[in-house]
N, C-alpha and C. Protein backbone atom coordinates (compact mmCIF):
# COMPACT_ATOMS: atom_id res chain seq x y z
N MET A 1 72.15 119.96 80.94
CA MET A 1 71.35 120.86 81.78
C MET A 1 70.62 120.06 82.84
N PRO A 2 70.74 120.42 84.14
CA PRO A 2 70.12 119.65 85.20
C PRO A 2 68.60 119.68 85.09
N SER A 3 67.94 118.56 85.45
CA SER A 3 66.49 118.47 85.41
C SER A 3 65.87 119.22 86.58
N ASP A 4 64.55 119.47 86.47
CA ASP A 4 63.84 120.14 87.56
C ASP A 4 63.94 119.32 88.84
N MET A 5 63.92 117.99 88.68
CA MET A 5 63.99 117.11 89.85
C MET A 5 65.32 117.26 90.58
N SER A 6 66.42 117.25 89.81
CA SER A 6 67.74 117.36 90.44
C SER A 6 67.93 118.73 91.07
N VAL A 7 67.37 119.78 90.43
CA VAL A 7 67.46 121.13 90.99
C VAL A 7 66.73 121.20 92.32
N THR A 8 65.53 120.61 92.38
CA THR A 8 64.75 120.62 93.63
C THR A 8 65.47 119.84 94.72
N ARG A 9 66.04 118.73 94.37
CA ARG A 9 66.77 117.93 95.37
C ARG A 9 67.96 118.71 95.91
N ASP A 10 68.68 119.40 95.03
CA ASP A 10 69.80 120.22 95.48
C ASP A 10 69.32 121.35 96.39
N GLU A 11 68.17 121.93 96.07
CA GLU A 11 67.62 122.99 96.92
C GLU A 11 67.29 122.45 98.31
N ILE A 12 66.72 121.26 98.35
CA ILE A 12 66.40 120.64 99.65
C ILE A 12 67.68 120.45 100.47
N LEU A 13 68.71 119.92 99.83
CA LEU A 13 69.98 119.69 100.53
C LEU A 13 70.58 121.00 101.01
N ASN A 14 70.48 122.04 100.18
CA ASN A 14 71.02 123.35 100.57
C ASN A 14 70.27 123.94 101.75
N VAL A 15 68.95 123.79 101.76
CA VAL A 15 68.15 124.30 102.89
C VAL A 15 68.53 123.57 104.18
N LEU A 16 68.65 122.25 104.10
CA LEU A 16 69.01 121.48 105.29
C LEU A 16 70.42 121.83 105.77
N ARG A 17 71.30 122.14 104.82
CA ARG A 17 72.66 122.53 105.20
C ARG A 17 72.67 123.88 105.92
N ARG A 18 71.87 124.82 105.42
CA ARG A 18 71.86 126.16 106.00
C ARG A 18 71.08 126.23 107.31
N ARG A 19 69.93 125.54 107.36
CA ARG A 19 69.00 125.72 108.47
C ARG A 19 68.98 124.57 109.48
N GLY A 20 69.60 123.45 109.13
CA GLY A 20 69.54 122.32 110.03
C GLY A 20 68.26 121.53 109.83
N PRO A 21 67.91 120.64 110.75
CA PRO A 21 66.73 119.78 110.60
C PRO A 21 65.45 120.58 110.30
N GLN A 22 64.69 120.09 109.33
CA GLN A 22 63.46 120.75 108.90
C GLN A 22 62.36 119.73 108.68
N GLY A 23 61.13 120.18 108.84
CA GLY A 23 59.98 119.35 108.53
C GLY A 23 59.57 119.53 107.08
N VAL A 24 58.61 118.72 106.63
CA VAL A 24 58.14 118.80 105.25
C VAL A 24 57.56 120.18 104.95
N THR A 25 56.78 120.72 105.86
CA THR A 25 56.15 122.03 105.65
C THR A 25 57.20 123.12 105.46
N GLU A 26 58.21 123.12 106.32
CA GLU A 26 59.27 124.13 106.22
C GLU A 26 60.04 124.01 104.91
N LEU A 27 60.30 122.78 104.50
CA LEU A 27 61.02 122.56 103.25
C LEU A 27 60.19 122.99 102.04
N ALA A 28 58.89 122.74 102.11
CA ALA A 28 58.01 123.15 101.02
C ALA A 28 57.98 124.67 100.89
N GLU A 29 57.91 125.36 102.03
CA GLU A 29 57.89 126.82 102.01
C GLU A 29 59.21 127.39 101.50
N ALA A 30 60.31 126.77 101.90
CA ALA A 30 61.64 127.28 101.52
C ALA A 30 61.95 127.07 100.05
N THR A 31 61.40 126.01 99.47
CA THR A 31 61.72 125.67 98.08
C THR A 31 60.62 126.03 97.09
N GLY A 32 59.43 126.33 97.61
CA GLY A 32 58.32 126.64 96.72
C GLY A 32 57.75 125.42 96.03
N VAL A 33 57.93 124.27 96.62
CA VAL A 33 57.44 123.00 96.07
C VAL A 33 56.36 122.45 96.99
N THR A 34 55.41 121.72 96.45
CA THR A 34 54.31 121.19 97.27
C THR A 34 54.82 120.15 98.26
N PRO A 35 54.17 120.01 99.41
CA PRO A 35 54.56 119.00 100.39
C PRO A 35 54.61 117.59 99.81
N VAL A 36 53.68 117.28 98.90
CA VAL A 36 53.67 115.94 98.28
C VAL A 36 54.97 115.70 97.51
N SER A 37 55.38 116.71 96.75
CA SER A 37 56.64 116.58 95.99
C SER A 37 57.84 116.50 96.92
N ILE A 38 57.82 117.30 98.00
CA ILE A 38 58.92 117.27 98.97
C ILE A 38 59.07 115.87 99.55
N ARG A 39 57.96 115.24 99.91
CA ARG A 39 58.02 113.88 100.47
C ARG A 39 58.62 112.90 99.46
N HIS A 40 58.26 113.07 98.21
CA HIS A 40 58.80 112.20 97.16
C HIS A 40 60.32 112.37 97.05
N HIS A 41 60.77 113.61 97.03
CA HIS A 41 62.21 113.87 96.94
C HIS A 41 62.94 113.37 98.17
N LEU A 42 62.33 113.57 99.34
CA LEU A 42 62.97 113.12 100.57
C LEU A 42 63.13 111.60 100.59
N SER A 43 62.15 110.89 100.07
CA SER A 43 62.24 109.42 100.00
C SER A 43 63.42 109.00 99.14
N SER A 44 63.60 109.69 98.01
CA SER A 44 64.73 109.38 97.12
C SER A 44 66.06 109.70 97.78
N LEU A 45 66.11 110.86 98.47
CA LEU A 45 67.35 111.26 99.14
C LEU A 45 67.69 110.32 100.29
N GLN A 46 66.68 109.81 100.99
CA GLN A 46 66.93 108.84 102.06
C GLN A 46 67.45 107.53 101.47
N ALA A 47 66.88 107.12 100.34
CA ALA A 47 67.32 105.87 99.71
C ALA A 47 68.78 105.96 99.27
N GLU A 48 69.24 107.18 98.95
CA GLU A 48 70.63 107.38 98.53
C GLU A 48 71.56 107.61 99.71
N GLY A 49 70.99 107.63 100.91
CA GLY A 49 71.83 107.83 102.09
C GLY A 49 72.26 109.26 102.32
N LEU A 50 71.53 110.22 101.73
CA LEU A 50 71.90 111.62 101.87
C LEU A 50 71.10 112.35 102.94
N VAL A 51 69.95 111.80 103.30
CA VAL A 51 69.07 112.43 104.28
C VAL A 51 68.59 111.38 105.28
N THR A 52 68.48 111.79 106.52
CA THR A 52 67.94 110.92 107.56
C THR A 52 66.80 111.65 108.26
N SER A 53 65.98 110.93 109.01
CA SER A 53 64.83 111.55 109.67
C SER A 53 64.69 111.05 111.10
N GLN A 54 64.04 111.85 111.91
CA GLN A 54 63.73 111.44 113.28
C GLN A 54 62.46 112.14 113.76
N ASP A 55 61.77 111.47 114.68
CA ASP A 55 60.55 112.05 115.25
C ASP A 55 60.91 113.18 116.21
N VAL A 56 60.18 114.27 116.11
CA VAL A 56 60.35 115.39 117.02
C VAL A 56 59.02 115.60 117.74
N HIS A 57 59.05 115.49 119.06
CA HIS A 57 57.83 115.62 119.86
C HIS A 57 57.60 117.08 120.26
N SER A 58 56.35 117.50 120.20
CA SER A 58 55.99 118.85 120.64
C SER A 58 55.01 118.74 121.80
N ALA A 59 54.67 119.87 122.37
CA ALA A 59 53.78 119.87 123.54
C ALA A 59 52.41 119.31 123.20
N VAL A 60 51.97 119.57 122.01
CA VAL A 60 50.64 119.08 121.59
C VAL A 60 50.75 118.39 120.24
N GLY A 61 49.81 117.51 119.99
CA GLY A 61 49.76 116.85 118.69
C GLY A 61 50.72 115.68 118.57
N ARG A 62 50.69 115.08 117.41
CA ARG A 62 51.53 113.91 117.14
C ARG A 62 52.96 114.33 116.82
N PRO A 63 53.91 113.42 117.01
CA PRO A 63 55.30 113.73 116.65
C PRO A 63 55.41 114.03 115.16
N ARG A 64 56.32 114.92 114.81
CA ARG A 64 56.56 115.27 113.41
C ARG A 64 57.95 114.80 112.99
N LEU A 65 58.05 114.39 111.73
CA LEU A 65 59.35 113.99 111.22
C LEU A 65 60.16 115.22 110.82
N HIS A 66 61.37 115.28 111.31
CA HIS A 66 62.31 116.30 110.89
C HIS A 66 63.43 115.63 110.12
N TYR A 67 63.85 116.24 109.04
CA TYR A 67 64.87 115.67 108.16
C TYR A 67 66.17 116.45 108.29
N SER A 68 67.28 115.72 108.19
CA SER A 68 68.60 116.35 108.28
C SER A 68 69.57 115.62 107.36
N LEU A 69 70.72 116.25 107.11
CA LEU A 69 71.72 115.67 106.24
C LEU A 69 72.50 114.57 106.94
N THR A 70 72.85 113.54 106.20
CA THR A 70 73.79 112.54 106.70
C THR A 70 75.21 113.06 106.49
N GLN A 71 76.18 112.38 107.08
CA GLN A 71 77.57 112.79 106.89
C GLN A 71 77.97 112.69 105.42
N THR A 72 77.42 111.69 104.72
CA THR A 72 77.72 111.54 103.30
C THR A 72 77.31 112.78 102.53
N ALA A 73 76.13 113.33 102.86
CA ALA A 73 75.66 114.53 102.17
C ALA A 73 76.50 115.75 102.55
N VAL A 74 76.88 115.85 103.81
CA VAL A 74 77.69 116.99 104.26
C VAL A 74 78.99 117.05 103.49
N GLU A 75 79.57 115.88 103.23
CA GLU A 75 80.86 115.83 102.55
C GLU A 75 80.77 116.21 101.07
N ARG A 76 79.55 116.33 100.54
CA ARG A 76 79.39 116.75 99.15
C ARG A 76 79.55 118.26 99.00
N PHE A 77 79.42 118.99 100.09
CA PHE A 77 79.53 120.44 100.00
C PHE A 77 80.99 120.85 99.93
N PRO A 78 81.26 121.98 99.26
CA PRO A 78 82.66 122.41 99.09
C PRO A 78 83.36 122.59 100.44
N THR A 79 84.59 122.12 100.51
CA THR A 79 85.40 122.30 101.72
C THR A 79 86.80 122.74 101.30
N LYS A 80 87.61 123.08 102.28
CA LYS A 80 89.00 123.48 102.03
C LYS A 80 89.96 122.39 102.51
N TYR A 81 89.45 121.16 102.72
CA TYR A 81 90.31 120.10 103.24
C TYR A 81 91.49 119.83 102.33
N LEU A 82 91.24 119.77 101.02
CA LEU A 82 92.32 119.46 100.10
C LEU A 82 93.40 120.52 100.13
N ARG A 83 92.99 121.77 100.13
CA ARG A 83 93.98 122.86 100.17
C ARG A 83 94.76 122.82 101.47
N PHE A 84 94.07 122.58 102.57
CA PHE A 84 94.74 122.52 103.87
C PHE A 84 95.73 121.36 103.91
N THR A 85 95.27 120.18 103.44
CA THR A 85 96.14 119.00 103.45
C THR A 85 97.37 119.22 102.57
N ASP A 86 97.16 119.83 101.42
CA ASP A 86 98.26 120.11 100.51
C ASP A 86 99.29 121.01 101.17
N ARG A 87 98.83 122.07 101.82
CA ARG A 87 99.74 122.99 102.49
C ARG A 87 100.46 122.31 103.66
N LEU A 88 99.72 121.50 104.40
CA LEU A 88 100.31 120.80 105.54
C LEU A 88 101.43 119.87 105.09
N LEU A 89 101.18 119.12 104.01
CA LEU A 89 102.21 118.22 103.51
C LEU A 89 103.41 118.98 102.97
N ASP A 90 103.16 120.12 102.33
CA ASP A 90 104.28 120.95 101.87
C ASP A 90 105.17 121.36 103.04
N GLU A 91 104.55 121.80 104.13
CA GLU A 91 105.31 122.24 105.30
C GLU A 91 106.07 121.07 105.93
N MET A 92 105.40 119.91 106.01
CA MET A 92 106.05 118.73 106.59
C MET A 92 107.26 118.32 105.77
N LYS A 93 107.13 118.34 104.46
CA LYS A 93 108.23 117.91 103.59
C LYS A 93 109.38 118.91 103.60
N THR A 94 109.05 120.17 103.90
CA THR A 94 110.10 121.18 104.03
C THR A 94 110.86 121.02 105.34
N ALA A 95 110.14 120.68 106.40
CA ALA A 95 110.72 120.63 107.74
C ALA A 95 111.34 119.27 108.08
N LEU A 96 110.88 118.19 107.42
CA LEU A 96 111.32 116.85 107.80
C LEU A 96 111.98 116.14 106.63
N PRO A 97 112.97 115.28 106.91
CA PRO A 97 113.61 114.52 105.84
C PRO A 97 112.65 113.46 105.29
N ALA A 98 112.87 113.06 104.05
CA ALA A 98 111.99 112.11 103.37
C ALA A 98 111.77 110.81 104.14
N PRO A 99 112.83 110.21 104.76
CA PRO A 99 112.60 108.96 105.50
C PRO A 99 111.62 109.13 106.66
N VAL A 100 111.64 110.29 107.29
CA VAL A 100 110.72 110.54 108.39
C VAL A 100 109.28 110.62 107.87
N ILE A 101 109.08 111.28 106.74
CA ILE A 101 107.76 111.36 106.12
C ILE A 101 107.24 109.97 105.80
N GLU A 102 108.11 109.14 105.24
CA GLU A 102 107.73 107.77 104.89
C GLU A 102 107.31 106.99 106.13
N LYS A 103 108.06 107.19 107.23
CA LYS A 103 107.72 106.49 108.47
C LYS A 103 106.37 106.95 109.02
N LEU A 104 106.06 108.23 108.86
CA LEU A 104 104.77 108.75 109.32
C LEU A 104 103.62 108.09 108.57
N PHE A 105 103.74 107.98 107.25
CA PHE A 105 102.69 107.34 106.47
C PHE A 105 102.58 105.86 106.80
N SER A 106 103.73 105.23 107.01
CA SER A 106 103.73 103.82 107.39
C SER A 106 103.05 103.62 108.75
N ALA A 107 103.32 104.54 109.67
CA ALA A 107 102.71 104.46 111.00
C ALA A 107 101.19 104.63 110.92
N MET A 108 100.73 105.51 110.03
CA MET A 108 99.29 105.69 109.84
C MET A 108 98.64 104.39 109.38
N ALA A 109 99.26 103.74 108.40
CA ALA A 109 98.73 102.47 107.90
C ALA A 109 98.76 101.40 108.98
N GLN A 110 99.85 101.36 109.74
CA GLN A 110 99.98 100.38 110.82
C GLN A 110 98.90 100.59 111.88
N ASP A 111 98.59 101.84 112.16
CA ASP A 111 97.57 102.15 113.16
C ASP A 111 96.20 101.65 112.70
N ILE A 112 95.89 101.86 111.43
CA ILE A 112 94.61 101.37 110.90
C ILE A 112 94.57 99.85 110.96
N ALA A 113 95.67 99.21 110.55
CA ALA A 113 95.73 97.75 110.55
C ALA A 113 95.58 97.18 111.97
N SER A 114 96.23 97.82 112.93
CA SER A 114 96.16 97.35 114.32
C SER A 114 94.73 97.41 114.85
N GLY A 115 93.99 98.40 114.40
CA GLY A 115 92.61 98.54 114.86
C GLY A 115 91.69 97.44 114.37
N HIS A 116 92.13 96.70 113.35
CA HIS A 116 91.30 95.63 112.79
C HIS A 116 91.94 94.25 112.96
N ALA A 117 93.04 94.18 113.70
CA ALA A 117 93.80 92.93 113.82
C ALA A 117 92.95 91.79 114.37
N ASN A 118 92.07 92.11 115.32
CA ASN A 118 91.26 91.05 115.95
C ASN A 118 90.28 90.40 114.97
N LYS A 119 89.95 91.10 113.89
CA LYS A 119 89.02 90.55 112.90
C LYS A 119 89.70 89.52 112.00
N LEU A 120 91.03 89.52 111.99
CA LEU A 120 91.78 88.68 111.06
C LEU A 120 92.43 87.48 111.71
N GLU A 121 92.54 87.51 113.01
CA GLU A 121 93.29 86.46 113.72
C GLU A 121 92.73 85.07 113.45
N GLY A 122 93.61 84.18 112.98
CA GLY A 122 93.25 82.78 112.76
C GLY A 122 92.42 82.52 111.52
N LYS A 123 92.20 83.51 110.68
CA LYS A 123 91.36 83.32 109.51
C LYS A 123 92.22 82.98 108.28
N PRO A 124 91.66 82.21 107.34
CA PRO A 124 92.40 81.93 106.10
C PRO A 124 92.50 83.18 105.24
N LEU A 125 93.38 83.13 104.25
CA LEU A 125 93.65 84.32 103.44
C LEU A 125 92.40 84.84 102.74
N ASP A 126 91.56 83.95 102.24
CA ASP A 126 90.35 84.39 101.55
C ASP A 126 89.49 85.27 102.45
N GLU A 127 89.31 84.85 103.68
CA GLU A 127 88.48 85.61 104.62
C GLU A 127 89.17 86.92 105.01
N LYS A 128 90.48 86.88 105.13
CA LYS A 128 91.22 88.11 105.44
C LYS A 128 91.05 89.13 104.31
N LEU A 129 91.09 88.66 103.09
CA LEU A 129 90.93 89.56 101.95
C LEU A 129 89.54 90.19 101.93
N THR A 130 88.53 89.40 102.26
CA THR A 130 87.17 89.92 102.30
C THR A 130 87.05 91.00 103.38
N THR A 131 87.65 90.75 104.54
CA THR A 131 87.65 91.74 105.61
C THR A 131 88.43 92.98 105.19
N LEU A 132 89.57 92.76 104.54
CA LEU A 132 90.40 93.87 104.08
C LEU A 132 89.63 94.78 103.11
N VAL A 133 88.88 94.19 102.20
CA VAL A 133 88.09 94.98 101.25
C VAL A 133 87.08 95.85 101.99
N ALA A 134 86.48 95.30 103.06
CA ALA A 134 85.53 96.08 103.86
C ALA A 134 86.23 97.24 104.56
N VAL A 135 87.43 96.99 105.09
CA VAL A 135 88.20 98.04 105.76
C VAL A 135 88.59 99.13 104.76
N LEU A 136 89.03 98.73 103.59
CA LEU A 136 89.37 99.70 102.55
C LEU A 136 88.14 100.54 102.17
N GLY A 137 86.97 99.90 102.17
CA GLY A 137 85.74 100.64 101.88
C GLY A 137 85.48 101.72 102.91
N GLU A 138 85.76 101.41 104.18
CA GLU A 138 85.60 102.41 105.24
C GLU A 138 86.56 103.57 105.05
N GLU A 139 87.71 103.30 104.43
CA GLU A 139 88.71 104.34 104.20
C GLU A 139 88.48 105.11 102.90
N GLY A 140 87.43 104.72 102.16
CA GLY A 140 87.09 105.46 100.95
C GLY A 140 87.47 104.79 99.63
N PHE A 141 87.99 103.55 99.70
CA PHE A 141 88.38 102.84 98.49
C PHE A 141 87.26 101.91 98.02
N MET A 142 87.05 101.85 96.71
CA MET A 142 86.17 100.85 96.13
C MET A 142 87.06 99.72 95.64
N ALA A 143 87.01 98.57 96.32
CA ALA A 143 87.98 97.51 96.04
C ALA A 143 87.31 96.14 95.97
N GLU A 144 88.02 95.22 95.33
CA GLU A 144 87.60 93.81 95.31
C GLU A 144 88.84 92.95 95.12
N TRP A 145 88.73 91.66 95.46
CA TRP A 145 89.86 90.77 95.28
C TRP A 145 89.44 89.56 94.46
N ASN A 146 90.43 88.94 93.84
CA ASN A 146 90.18 87.69 93.13
C ASN A 146 91.49 86.90 93.06
N LYS A 147 91.37 85.61 92.78
CA LYS A 147 92.55 84.76 92.69
C LYS A 147 92.91 84.55 91.23
N VAL A 148 94.20 84.72 90.92
CA VAL A 148 94.69 84.55 89.56
C VAL A 148 95.80 83.51 89.60
N GLY A 149 95.48 82.30 89.21
CA GLY A 149 96.46 81.22 89.31
C GLY A 149 96.79 80.95 90.77
N GLU A 150 98.07 81.03 91.10
CA GLU A 150 98.52 80.79 92.47
C GLU A 150 98.62 82.08 93.27
N LEU A 151 98.34 83.20 92.64
CA LEU A 151 98.44 84.49 93.31
C LEU A 151 97.07 85.10 93.54
N TYR A 152 97.04 86.11 94.38
CA TYR A 152 95.82 86.87 94.63
C TYR A 152 96.03 88.30 94.14
N GLU A 153 94.97 88.89 93.62
CA GLU A 153 95.01 90.29 93.22
C GLU A 153 93.94 91.07 93.95
N LEU A 154 94.33 92.25 94.40
CA LEU A 154 93.37 93.17 95.00
C LEU A 154 93.32 94.42 94.12
N THR A 155 92.13 94.76 93.67
CA THR A 155 91.97 95.89 92.75
C THR A 155 91.24 97.03 93.43
N GLU A 156 91.79 98.23 93.33
CA GLU A 156 91.14 99.46 93.81
C GLU A 156 90.71 100.27 92.59
N TYR A 157 89.42 100.56 92.50
CA TYR A 157 88.89 101.26 91.34
C TYR A 157 88.88 102.78 91.52
N ASN A 158 89.20 103.22 92.70
CA ASN A 158 89.30 104.66 92.96
C ASN A 158 90.35 104.88 94.03
N CYS A 159 90.67 106.13 94.29
CA CYS A 159 91.62 106.45 95.35
C CYS A 159 91.19 107.74 96.04
N PRO A 160 90.85 107.69 97.33
CA PRO A 160 90.44 108.91 98.04
C PRO A 160 91.57 109.91 98.19
N TYR A 161 92.81 109.47 97.93
CA TYR A 161 93.97 110.36 98.04
C TYR A 161 94.43 110.87 96.67
N PHE A 162 93.65 110.60 95.61
CA PHE A 162 94.13 110.83 94.26
C PHE A 162 94.58 112.27 94.02
N VAL A 163 93.74 113.25 94.40
CA VAL A 163 94.07 114.65 94.14
C VAL A 163 95.33 115.04 94.89
N ILE A 164 95.41 114.68 96.18
CA ILE A 164 96.60 114.98 96.97
C ILE A 164 97.80 114.20 96.44
N GLY A 165 97.57 112.96 96.04
CA GLY A 165 98.65 112.11 95.58
C GLY A 165 99.33 112.62 94.32
N GLN A 166 98.63 113.44 93.52
CA GLN A 166 99.24 113.98 92.32
C GLN A 166 100.42 114.90 92.65
N ARG A 167 100.35 115.59 93.78
CA ARG A 167 101.46 116.45 94.20
C ARG A 167 102.32 115.80 95.27
N HIS A 168 101.73 114.84 95.98
CA HIS A 168 102.46 114.19 97.07
C HIS A 168 102.31 112.67 96.92
N PRO A 169 103.01 112.06 95.97
CA PRO A 169 102.85 110.63 95.72
C PRO A 169 103.22 109.75 96.91
N GLU A 170 103.84 110.33 97.93
CA GLU A 170 104.18 109.55 99.12
C GLU A 170 102.94 108.94 99.78
N VAL A 171 101.79 109.61 99.63
CA VAL A 171 100.58 109.10 100.28
C VAL A 171 100.16 107.76 99.70
N CYS A 172 100.70 107.45 98.51
CA CYS A 172 100.36 106.18 97.86
C CYS A 172 100.82 104.98 98.68
N THR A 173 101.76 105.20 99.58
CA THR A 173 102.27 104.08 100.38
C THR A 173 101.29 103.64 101.45
N ILE A 174 100.30 104.48 101.76
CA ILE A 174 99.39 104.16 102.87
C ILE A 174 98.62 102.88 102.60
N ASP A 175 97.93 102.81 101.45
CA ASP A 175 97.10 101.62 101.22
C ASP A 175 97.94 100.38 100.98
N GLN A 176 99.08 100.52 100.31
CA GLN A 176 99.93 99.35 100.09
C GLN A 176 100.46 98.81 101.41
N THR A 177 100.88 99.70 102.30
CA THR A 177 101.36 99.26 103.62
C THR A 177 100.23 98.65 104.42
N LEU A 178 99.04 99.24 104.34
CA LEU A 178 97.88 98.70 105.06
C LEU A 178 97.57 97.28 104.60
N ILE A 179 97.58 97.07 103.29
CA ILE A 179 97.31 95.73 102.74
C ILE A 179 98.36 94.74 103.23
N SER A 180 99.64 95.11 103.17
CA SER A 180 100.72 94.23 103.62
C SER A 180 100.58 93.88 105.09
N ARG A 181 100.29 94.89 105.91
CA ARG A 181 100.21 94.67 107.35
C ARG A 181 99.02 93.80 107.74
N MET A 182 97.89 94.05 107.11
CA MET A 182 96.70 93.29 107.47
C MET A 182 96.79 91.83 107.03
N LEU A 183 97.42 91.60 105.87
CA LEU A 183 97.53 90.24 105.35
C LEU A 183 98.82 89.54 105.79
N GLU A 184 99.77 90.32 106.32
CA GLU A 184 101.07 89.80 106.73
C GLU A 184 101.77 89.11 105.56
N ARG A 185 101.73 89.75 104.42
CA ARG A 185 102.34 89.23 103.21
C ARG A 185 102.95 90.36 102.40
N ARG A 186 103.90 90.01 101.56
CA ARG A 186 104.47 90.99 100.66
C ARG A 186 103.45 91.34 99.58
N VAL A 187 103.40 92.59 99.22
CA VAL A 187 102.45 93.07 98.22
C VAL A 187 103.21 93.92 97.20
N GLU A 188 102.94 93.68 95.93
CA GLU A 188 103.53 94.47 94.87
C GLU A 188 102.43 95.15 94.06
N LYS A 189 102.62 96.42 93.75
CA LYS A 189 101.63 97.15 92.95
C LYS A 189 102.01 97.04 91.48
N SER A 190 101.09 96.51 90.68
CA SER A 190 101.38 96.31 89.25
C SER A 190 100.86 97.45 88.38
N THR A 191 99.78 98.10 88.80
CA THR A 191 99.29 99.29 88.09
C THR A 191 98.86 100.32 89.13
N CYS A 192 98.84 101.60 88.70
CA CYS A 192 98.54 102.67 89.66
C CYS A 192 97.76 103.79 88.97
N LEU A 193 96.72 104.28 89.61
CA LEU A 193 95.93 105.38 89.07
C LEU A 193 96.78 106.62 88.82
N LEU A 194 97.73 106.87 89.71
CA LEU A 194 98.58 108.05 89.57
C LEU A 194 99.49 107.97 88.35
N ASN A 195 99.69 106.76 87.83
CA ASN A 195 100.52 106.59 86.64
C ASN A 195 99.69 106.63 85.36
N GLY A 196 98.40 106.92 85.51
CA GLY A 196 97.53 106.98 84.34
C GLY A 196 96.78 105.70 84.07
N ASP A 197 96.97 104.67 84.91
CA ASP A 197 96.23 103.42 84.74
C ASP A 197 94.78 103.60 85.19
N GLN A 198 93.91 102.68 84.79
CA GLN A 198 92.50 102.80 85.13
C GLN A 198 92.20 102.36 86.56
N ARG A 199 93.14 101.66 87.17
CA ARG A 199 92.92 101.16 88.52
C ARG A 199 94.26 100.85 89.16
N CYS A 200 94.24 100.70 90.49
CA CYS A 200 95.41 100.22 91.20
C CYS A 200 95.25 98.72 91.43
N VAL A 201 96.23 97.94 91.05
CA VAL A 201 96.18 96.49 91.24
C VAL A 201 97.38 96.05 92.07
N PHE A 202 97.09 95.31 93.15
CA PHE A 202 98.13 94.80 94.03
C PHE A 202 98.19 93.29 93.90
N VAL A 203 99.39 92.78 93.71
CA VAL A 203 99.61 91.34 93.60
C VAL A 203 100.08 90.83 94.96
N ILE A 204 99.37 89.82 95.48
CA ILE A 204 99.62 89.32 96.83
C ILE A 204 100.09 87.88 96.75
N GLN A 205 101.16 87.59 97.44
CA GLN A 205 101.67 86.23 97.46
C GLN A 205 100.68 85.28 98.11
N ASN A 206 100.70 84.01 97.68
CA ASN A 206 99.76 83.04 98.25
C ASN A 206 100.20 82.62 99.64
N ALA A 207 99.44 81.72 100.25
CA ALA A 207 99.68 81.32 101.64
C ALA A 207 101.06 80.72 101.83
N ASP A 208 101.58 80.04 100.81
CA ASP A 208 102.89 79.40 100.95
C ASP A 208 104.03 80.40 100.95
N ALA A 209 103.72 81.66 100.56
CA ALA A 209 104.77 82.66 100.49
C ALA A 209 104.64 83.71 101.56
N ALA A 210 103.93 83.36 102.63
CA ALA A 210 103.75 84.32 103.72
C ALA A 210 105.09 84.68 104.32
N VAL A 211 105.20 85.92 104.79
CA VAL A 211 106.44 86.38 105.40
C VAL A 211 106.15 86.97 106.76
N ALA A 212 107.17 87.08 107.57
CA ALA A 212 107.00 87.61 108.91
C ALA A 212 106.69 89.08 108.88
N LYS A 213 105.99 89.58 109.92
CA LYS A 213 105.60 90.98 110.00
C LYS A 213 106.80 91.91 109.92
N ASP A 214 107.87 91.56 110.60
CA ASP A 214 108.98 92.48 110.70
C ASP A 214 109.81 92.58 109.42
N THR A 215 109.44 91.80 108.39
CA THR A 215 110.17 91.89 107.13
C THR A 215 109.36 92.60 106.07
N LEU A 216 108.14 93.01 106.40
CA LEU A 216 107.30 93.68 105.41
C LEU A 216 107.83 95.06 105.12
């Protein structure tokens, strides 16, 4: 059963979603909670990256803080993106042959990799992997890398495509292609979330086994 604190925080987020930026007084009136408590909840929500604030100037008096949702908070609300994406992929797979679908996903990964190519130029593999983990984080993956003997492993603990991937496993090629393109090395997936494993693990060849881009 949710606590009173979590219920109040959800109410604050719902008010900001419905009404847009609000001050402490407006939020207190809308939720029936004291301004002191509202400020406490807002501090917690800001610390979690769900709420942001800005000064709003009026004709008289001092500027007032107005609070609004961050993009992270907006994405917590129910959407139809998954249903839309699922239908879109169904239509694409009906209209296009499988090799064309594969090329589309490969092109998406290549486009992401190209956008970060300047960050990797001339860097050793360790630094490339660190940059790659940051890029994967921007794409919604929680990842880390480590060295195992002469090989490198990159582990993804979640997959932003997991729900879609259950019906359209082709999307699984996006992150593997992205990793290969950014590191310019062959990559093999040893475990996969879609197969029931706890994580996705990619095995990356060491520097001595680098291969040309056009052979990936």
